[in-house]
Protein backbone atom coordinates (compact mmCIF):
# COMPACT_ATOMS: atom_id res chain seq x y z
CA MET A 1 1.67 20.95 7.70
CA PRO A 2 2.88 21.24 4.11
CA ASP A 3 3.82 17.53 4.24
CA LEU A 4 0.26 16.65 5.25
CA VAL A 5 -1.13 18.64 2.33
CA LEU A 6 1.33 16.95 -0.08
CA SER A 7 0.46 13.58 1.31
CA ARG A 8 -3.24 14.19 0.78
CA GLU A 9 -2.66 15.49 -2.73
CA LEU A 10 -0.53 12.47 -3.58
CA LYS A 11 -3.16 10.11 -2.18
CA LEU A 12 -5.85 11.81 -4.29
CA LEU A 13 -3.68 11.46 -7.38
CA GLN A 14 -3.05 7.79 -6.66
CA ASP A 15 -6.81 7.19 -6.19
CA GLU A 16 -7.51 8.94 -9.48
CA LEU A 17 -4.86 6.83 -11.24
CA ALA A 18 -6.40 3.67 -9.77
CA ALA A 19 -9.80 4.71 -10.95
CA GLN A 20 -8.51 5.37 -14.45
CA ARG A 21 -6.87 1.94 -14.51
CA GLN A 22 -10.17 0.35 -13.49
CA HIS A 23 -12.00 2.26 -16.18
CA LEU A 24 -9.52 1.14 -18.81
CA ALA A 25 -9.64 -2.44 -17.59
CA ALA A 26 -13.43 -2.42 -17.65
CA SER A 27 -13.60 -1.31 -21.32
CA PRO A 28 -10.78 -3.14 -23.14
CA ASP A 29 -13.07 -3.68 -26.17
CA LYS A 30 -13.04 0.12 -26.90
CA VAL A 31 -9.24 0.28 -26.71
CA THR A 32 -8.80 -2.90 -28.77
CA GLY A 33 -11.38 -1.72 -31.29
CA ALA A 34 -9.58 1.57 -31.77
CA ALA A 35 -6.28 -0.31 -32.23
CA ALA A 36 -7.92 -2.62 -34.75
CA GLN A 37 -9.40 0.23 -36.73
CA ALA A 38 -5.95 1.88 -36.87
CA ALA A 39 -4.46 -1.38 -38.25
CA PRO A 40 -7.16 -3.25 -40.23
CA SER A 41 -4.59 -5.65 -41.75
CA THR A 42 -3.69 -6.84 -38.31
CA ARG A 43 -7.38 -7.48 -37.53
CA ALA A 44 -7.92 -9.27 -40.81
CA ALA A 45 -5.08 -11.67 -39.98
CA GLY A 46 -7.04 -12.74 -36.91
CA SER A 47 -4.52 -11.41 -34.36
CA SER A 48 -6.76 -9.24 -32.21
CA GLU A 49 -4.80 -10.50 -29.22
CA THR A 50 -1.57 -8.89 -30.61
CA ALA A 51 -3.25 -5.50 -30.50
CA SER A 52 -3.90 -5.74 -26.73
CA PRO A 53 -0.27 -6.30 -25.65
CA ALA A 54 0.79 -3.32 -27.80
CA VAL A 55 -1.77 -1.18 -26.03
CA GLY A 56 -0.61 -2.62 -22.66
CA LEU A 57 2.98 -1.62 -23.47
CA GLY A 58 1.77 1.88 -24.27
CA GLU A 59 -0.08 2.05 -20.99
CA SER A 60 2.90 1.03 -18.97
CA ALA A 61 5.01 3.66 -20.78
CA ASP A 62 2.30 6.26 -20.11
CA GLU A 63 2.08 5.17 -16.47
CA LYS A 64 5.88 5.45 -16.12
CA GLU A 65 5.83 8.91 -17.64
CA LEU A 66 2.97 9.93 -15.38
CA ARG A 67 4.86 8.61 -12.28
CA ASP A 68 7.93 10.55 -13.40
CA GLN A 69 5.86 13.74 -13.79
CA PHE A 70 4.33 13.27 -10.35
CA ARG A 71 7.81 12.72 -8.94
CA ASP A 72 9.02 15.92 -10.58
CA LEU A 73 5.95 17.79 -9.31
CA ILE A 74 6.55 16.60 -5.77
CA LYS A 75 10.21 17.64 -5.99
CA GLU A 76 9.24 21.11 -7.25
CA ILE A 77 6.61 21.62 -4.54
CA THR A 78 8.97 20.33 -1.84
CA GLY A 79 11.70 22.75 -3.12
CA PHE A 80 9.18 25.64 -3.16
CA VAL A 81 8.08 24.92 0.42
CA GLU A 82 11.71 24.65 1.63
CA ASP A 83 12.61 27.94 -0.02
CA ALA A 84 9.51 29.62 1.47
CA GLU A 85 10.47 28.29 4.93
CA LYS A 86 13.97 29.69 4.56
CA LYS A 87 12.75 33.10 3.44
CA ILE A 88 10.21 33.26 6.23
CA SER A 89 12.80 32.35 8.84
CA VAL A 90 15.14 35.06 7.52
CA HIS A 91 12.42 37.78 7.41
CA PRO A 92 9.68 36.77 9.89
CA ALA A 93 8.15 40.25 10.41
CA MET A 94 7.89 40.98 6.67
CA SER A 95 6.31 37.57 6.16
CA VAL A 96 3.65 38.18 8.81
CA VAL A 97 2.80 41.58 7.30
CA ALA A 98 2.69 40.15 3.82
CA ALA A 99 0.39 37.33 4.96
CA MET A 100 -1.90 39.87 6.73
CA LEU A 101 -2.12 42.02 3.61
CA LEU A 102 -2.82 39.03 1.44
CA GLY A 103 -5.57 37.94 3.83
CA ILE A 104 -7.11 41.40 3.77
CA LEU A 105 -6.98 41.47 0.02
CA ILE A 106 -8.60 38.09 -0.40
CA GLY A 107 -11.20 38.96 2.25
CA SER A 108 -12.17 42.15 0.46
CA LEU A 109 -12.37 40.35 -2.92
CA LEU A 110 -14.63 37.65 -1.47
CA ALA A 111 -16.79 40.14 0.37
CA ARG A 112 -17.72 41.86 -2.92
CA ARG A 113 -19.44 38.81 -4.30
């Protein structure tokens, strides 16, 4: 079941990344305009096309960093789930009691609203 949750979460993150890429692709003038304002001498030289590849390189570096962060997050979550499974298998009665107490606590907090 934790793998299903992780898969769903990863799929949502991939969809969000794809939507962000589409948004950036749909509005390249804003990105190019910001780059041209940052370097007006480049714009005056008539090389507005040179600003776009620089932004594209930055996007690929950002995407790579984002992928690395997602990979690290997945490793951390997987490690947490594996540790939890080990602890639960070692102390099953205590885990059931802790889960019941947590459920009672959450239920009482939600009932007060």
